[in-house]
Amino acid sequence: MNEPDTPRPTINRFVVVIPAHDEVDTLPGALASVAAAAAEVTADVEVVVVLDACTDGTEAAVPPGVATVVIDSHNVGCARRAGFTGQPVGEDIWFVTTDADSHVPRNWLSAQSMAAATGADAFVGTITPDDWSGWPSGAASSFAETYTNLDGHRHVHGANLGLRSTAYLAAGGFAPLVEHEDVELVSRLMATGVAIAWSAQAPVSTSTRRTGRTPGGFAGALPRLTEPVAP
């Protein structure tokens, strides 16, 4: 079931990639949450914001010390891939990604570091919707009934995904897909037998806004947000 079972090298460096397309209002909160998570680990943490076809001044929301990559693809798969391109690769380097409209918990990186230390080469985490106001009254209960927020789940979210850099390179990285680039990558990892921690220990709070940045996702339809990966 692709579960970790063999100890692996300790993670000494995290590379956190955040794709952003017109996210001037939400990016500061996302970056603040990543900074708080970085303070909980002893490993080095580099944060990279990929500015993809931004027209709202998102670049002004990036503080000193946070790297940026500028592309014009209108493609989240291209954006995630661009953020990791050229980064050092090694058994002790962990690639992580989240979204510009999400807030990661303080234990986000420490939970992944622990998973890596106990044998995982990838960490696939869960999410929690941040606000149901403006949605039909039954939306929250419908989500809760269909979404398994427990260890062993089979949900995949680009907002809460990490893997050893060597596993990322071996899998070929993110494909240039306008949506479901995260599901596609994890499917390739599963096909090659990579040890995956399907963890609910560090759920990421993600936006329930109706106007999304990709054709799918929460703004498109609730069922697509909870799309599982077939074993």
Protein backbone atom coordinates (compact mmCIF):
# COMPACT_ATOMS: atom_id res chain seq x y z
CA MET A 1 0.00 0.00 0.00
CA ASN A 2 3.06 2.24 -0.46
CA GLU A 3 3.40 2.77 3.28
CA PRO A 4 6.78 3.78 4.82
CA ASP A 5 8.59 1.05 6.72
CA THR A 6 12.36 1.69 6.43
CA PRO A 7 14.26 4.56 8.10
CA ARG A 8 15.65 7.13 5.64
CA PRO A 9 18.10 10.05 5.93
CA THR A 10 17.14 12.99 8.12
CA ILE A 11 15.83 16.03 6.26
CA ASN A 12 18.29 18.94 6.47
CA ARG A 13 16.69 21.23 3.90
CA PHE A 14 13.13 22.05 2.84
CA VAL A 15 12.20 23.82 -0.38
CA VAL A 16 8.65 25.20 -0.20
CA VAL A 17 7.09 26.22 -3.52
CA ILE A 18 3.95 28.37 -3.65
CA PRO A 19 2.40 29.10 -7.07
CA ALA A 20 0.59 32.44 -7.25
CA HIS A 21 -1.65 33.92 -9.92
CA ASP A 22 -3.13 37.27 -8.82
CA GLU A 23 -2.94 36.49 -5.09
CA VAL A 24 -1.94 39.86 -3.64
CA ASP A 25 -4.60 39.59 -0.91
CA THR A 26 -4.03 35.98 0.18
CA LEU A 27 -0.30 35.45 -0.28
CA PRO A 28 0.84 37.33 2.86
CA GLY A 29 -1.19 35.01 5.10
CA ALA A 30 0.11 31.94 3.33
CA LEU A 31 3.71 33.09 3.69
CA ALA A 32 3.24 33.96 7.36
CA SER A 33 1.93 30.48 8.07
CA VAL A 34 4.88 28.87 6.26
CA ALA A 35 7.30 31.05 8.25
CA ALA A 36 5.69 29.85 11.49
CA ALA A 37 6.06 26.24 10.36
CA ALA A 38 9.69 26.85 9.39
CA ALA A 39 10.41 28.09 12.92
CA GLU A 40 9.42 24.66 14.27
CA VAL A 41 12.20 22.75 12.46
CA THR A 42 16.00 22.93 12.66
CA ALA A 43 16.46 22.26 8.96
CA ASP A 44 17.07 25.07 6.49
CA VAL A 45 13.89 26.25 4.76
CA GLU A 46 13.81 28.04 1.42
CA VAL A 47 10.50 29.50 0.24
CA VAL A 48 9.93 30.11 -3.47
CA VAL A 49 6.90 32.00 -4.80
CA VAL A 50 6.20 31.39 -8.48
CA LEU A 51 4.50 34.45 -9.92
CA ASP A 52 2.47 33.15 -12.83
CA ALA A 53 1.00 35.82 -15.12
CA CYS A 54 0.21 38.14 -12.19
CA THR A 55 -1.47 41.45 -13.01
CA ASP A 56 -2.54 42.60 -9.54
CA GLY A 57 0.84 43.44 -8.02
CA THR A 58 1.27 40.10 -6.23
CA GLU A 59 5.05 40.54 -6.41
CA ALA A 60 4.76 43.41 -3.92
CA ALA A 61 3.39 40.96 -1.34
CA VAL A 62 6.58 38.90 -1.36
CA PRO A 63 8.80 39.90 1.58
CA PRO A 64 12.61 40.03 1.57
CA GLY A 65 14.18 36.61 1.96
CA VAL A 66 11.56 34.84 -0.12
CA ALA A 67 12.73 33.86 -3.60
CA THR A 68 10.57 34.46 -6.67
CA VAL A 69 10.30 32.90 -10.10
CA VAL A 70 8.34 34.73 -12.80
CA ILE A 71 6.55 32.82 -15.56
CA ASP A 72 3.66 33.52 -17.91
CA SER A 73 1.98 30.14 -18.27
CA HIS A 74 -1.45 30.40 -16.63
CA ASN A 75 -0.73 26.80 -15.61
CA VAL A 76 -0.40 25.53 -12.04
CA GLY A 77 1.56 22.44 -13.08
CA CYS A 78 4.09 24.62 -14.87
CA ALA A 79 4.25 26.92 -11.84
CA ARG A 80 4.96 24.18 -9.31
CA ARG A 81 7.53 22.64 -11.66
CA ALA A 82 9.26 26.00 -12.22
CA GLY A 83 9.65 26.50 -8.48
CA PHE A 84 11.61 23.27 -8.07
CA THR A 85 13.64 23.56 -11.27
CA GLY A 86 17.32 24.07 -10.54
CA GLN A 87 17.03 23.26 -6.84
CA PRO A 88 19.70 20.98 -5.31
CA VAL A 89 18.68 17.33 -5.08
CA GLY A 90 19.67 14.88 -2.36
CA GLU A 91 18.34 12.29 0.05
CA ASP A 92 18.27 14.92 2.82
CA ILE A 93 16.37 17.54 0.76
CA TRP A 94 12.56 17.63 0.88
CA PHE A 95 10.40 19.40 -1.69
CA VAL A 96 7.08 20.79 -0.41
CA THR A 97 4.25 22.68 -2.02
CA THR A 98 1.16 24.55 -0.88
CA ASP A 99 -1.17 27.20 -2.34
CA ALA A 100 -1.22 30.97 -2.06
CA ASP A 101 -4.77 30.95 -0.63
CA SER A 102 -3.98 28.40 2.10
CA HIS A 103 -2.60 28.49 5.65
CA VAL A 104 -0.36 25.65 6.79
CA PRO A 105 -0.30 24.57 10.46
CA ARG A 106 2.75 25.10 12.67
CA ASN A 107 3.58 21.38 12.60
CA TRP A 108 3.41 21.19 8.79
CA LEU A 109 7.14 20.75 8.18
CA SER A 110 7.89 18.92 11.42
CA ALA A 111 5.23 16.31 10.61
CA GLN A 112 6.79 15.76 7.19
CA SER A 113 10.25 15.56 8.70
CA MET A 114 9.02 12.90 11.11
CA ALA A 115 7.39 10.95 8.27
CA ALA A 116 10.64 11.09 6.31
CA ALA A 117 12.66 9.90 9.31
CA THR A 118 10.41 6.87 9.71
CA GLY A 119 10.69 5.75 6.10
CA ALA A 120 8.48 7.91 3.90
CA ASP A 121 9.66 9.35 0.62
CA ALA A 122 6.44 11.32 0.16
CA PHE A 123 3.88 13.00 2.43
CA VAL A 124 0.32 13.41 1.14
CA GLY A 125 -1.72 15.49 3.56
CA THR A 126 -5.31 16.58 4.06
CA ILE A 127 -7.08 19.94 4.06
CA THR A 128 -9.77 21.70 6.08
CA PRO A 129 -12.07 24.32 4.47
CA ASP A 130 -11.56 27.71 6.08
CA ASP A 131 -15.02 29.29 5.77
CA TRP A 132 -18.42 27.99 4.65
CA SER A 133 -20.21 31.34 4.63
CA GLY A 134 -21.73 32.04 1.25
CA TRP A 135 -22.19 28.37 0.46
CA PRO A 136 -25.48 26.41 0.67
CA SER A 137 -26.39 25.34 4.20
CA GLY A 138 -25.67 21.68 3.50
CA ALA A 139 -22.23 22.18 1.94
CA ALA A 140 -20.25 21.75 5.17
CA SER A 141 -22.06 18.59 6.22
CA SER A 142 -21.78 17.16 2.71
CA PHE A 143 -18.04 17.74 2.74
CA ALA A 144 -17.66 16.17 6.18
CA GLU A 145 -19.60 13.09 5.12
CA THR A 146 -17.50 12.46 2.02
CA TYR A 147 -14.05 13.57 3.15
CA THR A 148 -11.87 11.24 5.21
CA ASN A 149 -9.56 13.35 7.38
CA LEU A 150 -7.72 10.39 8.93
CA ASP A 151 -4.36 8.72 8.45
CA GLY A 152 -4.60 6.35 5.53
CA HIS A 153 -6.86 8.65 3.51
CA ARG A 154 -6.46 8.75 -0.27
CA HIS A 155 -7.01 12.45 -0.98
CA VAL A 156 -4.42 14.47 -2.87
CA HIS A 157 -4.01 18.25 -2.62
CA GLY A 158 -1.31 20.48 -4.01
CA ALA A 159 -1.90 22.59 -0.89
CA ASN A 160 -0.43 19.84 1.29
CA LEU A 161 2.12 17.74 -0.54
CA GLY A 162 5.80 16.97 0.02
CA LEU A 163 8.37 14.46 -1.10
CA ARG A 164 12.04 13.68 -1.01
CA SER A 165 13.79 15.56 -3.80
CA THR A 166 15.29 12.34 -5.15
CA ALA A 167 11.83 10.80 -5.43
CA TYR A 168 10.57 13.94 -7.17
CA LEU A 169 13.38 13.81 -9.70
CA ALA A 170 12.95 10.07 -10.32
CA ALA A 171 9.21 10.54 -10.92
CA GLY A 172 9.79 13.32 -13.45
CA GLY A 173 8.35 16.15 -11.36
CA PHE A 174 5.09 18.01 -11.88
CA ALA A 175 3.57 17.72 -15.33
CA PRO A 176 2.46 20.95 -17.09
CA LEU A 177 -1.23 20.41 -16.37
CA VAL A 178 -3.77 23.18 -15.74
CA GLU A 179 -5.36 21.07 -12.98
CA HIS A 180 -4.87 17.76 -11.15
CA GLU A 181 -1.10 18.02 -11.54
CA ASP A 182 -0.87 16.89 -7.91
CA VAL A 183 -3.01 13.78 -8.45
CA GLU A 184 -1.05 12.88 -11.56
CA LEU A 185 2.30 13.12 -9.76
CA VAL A 186 1.15 11.04 -6.81
CA SER A 187 -0.26 8.43 -9.20
CA ARG A 188 3.20 8.10 -10.76
CA LEU A 189 4.79 7.81 -7.31
CA MET A 190 2.37 5.02 -6.40
CA ALA A 191 3.03 3.19 -9.66
CA THR A 192 6.75 3.05 -8.88
CA GLY A 193 6.25 1.87 -5.30
CA VAL A 194 7.44 5.01 -3.50
CA ALA A 195 6.81 4.87 0.25
CA ILE A 196 4.01 7.35 0.92
CA ALA A 197 2.73 8.66 4.25
CA TRP A 198 -1.00 9.31 3.75
CA SER A 199 -1.17 11.60 6.75
CA ALA A 200 -3.85 13.66 8.47
CA GLN A 201 -1.44 14.95 11.12
CA ALA A 202 -0.98 18.43 9.61
CA PRO A 203 -4.13 19.49 7.73
CA VAL A 204 -3.85 22.70 5.72
CA SER A 205 -6.60 25.31 5.93
CA THR A 206 -7.62 26.11 2.38
CA SER A 207 -9.88 28.73 0.86
CA THR A 208 -13.50 28.06 -0.03
CA ARG A 209 -13.70 31.03 -2.38
CA ARG A 210 -15.99 30.59 -5.36
CA THR A 211 -13.63 32.18 -7.88
CA GLY A 212 -10.77 29.75 -8.27
CA ARG A 213 -7.49 29.87 -10.18
CA THR A 214 -7.91 26.53 -12.00
CA PRO A 215 -10.88 25.00 -13.88
CA GLY A 216 -11.38 22.43 -11.11
CA GLY A 217 -10.91 22.65 -7.35
CA PHE A 218 -13.29 23.84 -4.69
CA ALA A 219 -14.57 26.78 -6.70
CA GLY A 220 -15.61 24.42 -9.47
CA ALA A 221 -17.32 21.73 -7.46
CA LEU A 222 -17.00 20.15 -4.02
CA PRO A 223 -16.60 16.57 -5.29
CA ARG A 224 -13.54 17.52 -7.32
CA LEU A 225 -11.80 18.89 -4.24
CA THR A 226 -12.07 15.52 -2.53
CA GLU A 227 -11.05 13.44 -5.51
CA PRO A 228 -9.21 10.32 -4.25
CA VAL A 229 -6.40 8.47 -5.94
CA ALA A 230 -7.26 4.88 -6.86
CA PRO A 231 -4.99 2.37 -5.10
